[in-house]
Amino acid sequence: MNFNNLAFPLLFLVVSCSPADDQQNPVKPEQYDWDQLIDADLSRWDNYLSFQYTSDYDGSPPKNEQGELIEPIGLNNPEYGVPVANGQKWALRI
């Protein structure tokens, strides 16, 4: 076997297996600024209510007496709220 055929793979193996010198340039983990999404007033959340259902709701979009679809209550409508038991102000339901 020729020495030249063995020298290059052996040199490559030794160089690739040697430990890297990471002490000069250590890798620092990235720092993230997290936003707290849940606070006491749920101030970072929106409130969307679809329809005001009646007791005879059958799962289809509700209609008025003329047969027209009723508009949803909507996003952050101040006239409506989410009733919560136990005297709490808000409920978070996902």
Protein backbone atom coordinates (compact mmCIF):
# COMPACT_ATOMS: atom_id res chain seq x y z
CA MET A 1 0.00 0.00 0.00
CA ASN A 2 1.28 3.40 -0.91
CA PHE A 3 2.04 5.81 2.00
CA ASN A 4 0.59 8.80 0.10
CA ASN A 5 -2.79 7.05 -0.24
CA LEU A 6 -2.96 6.56 3.53
CA ALA A 7 -1.44 9.87 4.73
CA PHE A 8 -4.16 12.23 3.49
CA PRO A 9 -7.16 10.31 4.97
CA LEU A 10 -5.28 9.85 8.25
CA LEU A 11 -4.40 13.56 8.43
CA PHE A 12 -8.01 14.48 7.62
CA LEU A 13 -9.29 12.15 10.38
CA VAL A 14 -6.93 13.63 12.99
CA VAL A 15 -7.79 17.23 12.10
CA SER A 16 -11.54 16.64 12.00
CA CYS A 17 -11.59 14.81 15.35
CA SER A 18 -9.55 17.37 17.26
CA PRO A 19 -11.53 19.51 19.70
CA ALA A 20 -12.37 23.02 18.64
CA ASP A 21 -11.10 25.94 20.67
CA ASP A 22 -14.43 27.56 21.68
CA GLN A 23 -13.05 29.47 24.64
CA GLN A 24 -11.96 32.39 22.48
CA ASN A 25 -15.42 32.91 20.96
CA PRO A 26 -18.01 31.27 23.20
CA VAL A 27 -21.52 31.13 21.75
CA LYS A 28 -23.98 33.14 23.83
CA PRO A 29 -27.64 32.18 23.78
CA GLU A 30 -30.00 34.76 22.32
CA GLN A 31 -31.93 36.85 24.82
CA TYR A 32 -35.62 37.43 24.17
CA ASP A 33 -37.90 40.03 25.70
CA TRP A 34 -41.13 38.23 26.50
CA ASP A 35 -44.48 39.97 26.54
CA GLN A 36 -46.81 38.88 29.31
CA LEU A 37 -50.14 38.21 27.62
CA ILE A 38 -52.16 37.42 30.72
CA ASP A 39 -52.59 40.10 33.36
CA ALA A 40 -55.31 40.76 35.95
CA ASP A 41 -57.49 42.73 33.50
CA LEU A 42 -56.70 40.71 30.34
CA SER A 43 -55.77 44.04 28.77
CA ARG A 44 -53.87 42.41 25.90
CA TRP A 45 -56.83 40.29 24.79
CA ASP A 46 -59.85 41.06 22.64
CA ASN A 47 -63.37 39.89 23.32
CA TYR A 48 -65.35 38.55 20.33
CA LEU A 49 -68.92 37.38 20.78
CA SER A 50 -70.75 35.77 17.89
CA PHE A 51 -74.54 35.69 18.39
CA GLN A 52 -76.94 36.11 21.26
CA TYR A 53 -78.56 32.69 21.23
CA THR A 54 -82.02 31.77 22.43
CA SER A 55 -83.03 28.60 24.24
CA ASP A 56 -84.30 27.03 20.99
CA TYR A 57 -80.94 27.41 19.19
CA ASP A 58 -80.44 24.56 16.69
CA GLY A 59 -76.83 25.18 15.58
CA SER A 60 -77.57 27.21 12.45
CA PRO A 61 -76.88 30.95 12.16
CA PRO A 62 -79.77 32.78 13.84
CA LYS A 63 -82.28 34.73 11.76
CA ASN A 64 -84.71 37.51 12.63
CA GLU A 65 -88.48 37.46 12.03
CA GLN A 66 -87.99 38.43 8.35
CA GLY A 67 -85.61 35.47 7.79
CA GLU A 68 -82.48 37.63 7.52
CA LEU A 69 -79.29 36.57 9.23
CA ILE A 70 -78.62 38.35 12.52
CA GLU A 71 -75.26 40.13 12.69
CA PRO A 72 -72.81 38.88 15.30
CA ILE A 73 -72.29 40.96 18.44
CA GLY A 74 -68.73 41.61 17.32
CA LEU A 75 -65.34 42.54 18.66
CA ASN A 76 -65.00 44.37 22.00
CA ASN A 77 -68.63 45.50 22.04
CA PRO A 78 -69.02 47.46 25.30
CA GLU A 79 -72.76 46.67 25.55
CA TYR A 80 -72.06 42.98 26.10
CA GLY A 81 -69.81 41.13 28.48
CA VAL A 82 -68.99 37.58 29.38
CA PRO A 83 -70.80 36.49 32.55
CA VAL A 84 -68.55 34.72 35.00
CA ALA A 85 -69.40 32.74 38.10
CA ASN A 86 -67.83 33.17 41.55
CA GLY A 87 -67.66 36.96 41.34
CA GLN A 88 -64.66 37.05 39.00
CA LYS A 89 -64.44 39.87 36.50
CA TRP A 90 -63.27 37.97 33.40
CA ALA A 91 -62.98 34.45 32.08
CA LEU A 92 -60.41 33.18 29.63
CA ARG A 93 -61.85 30.39 27.51
CA ILE A 94 -60.01 29.05 24.52
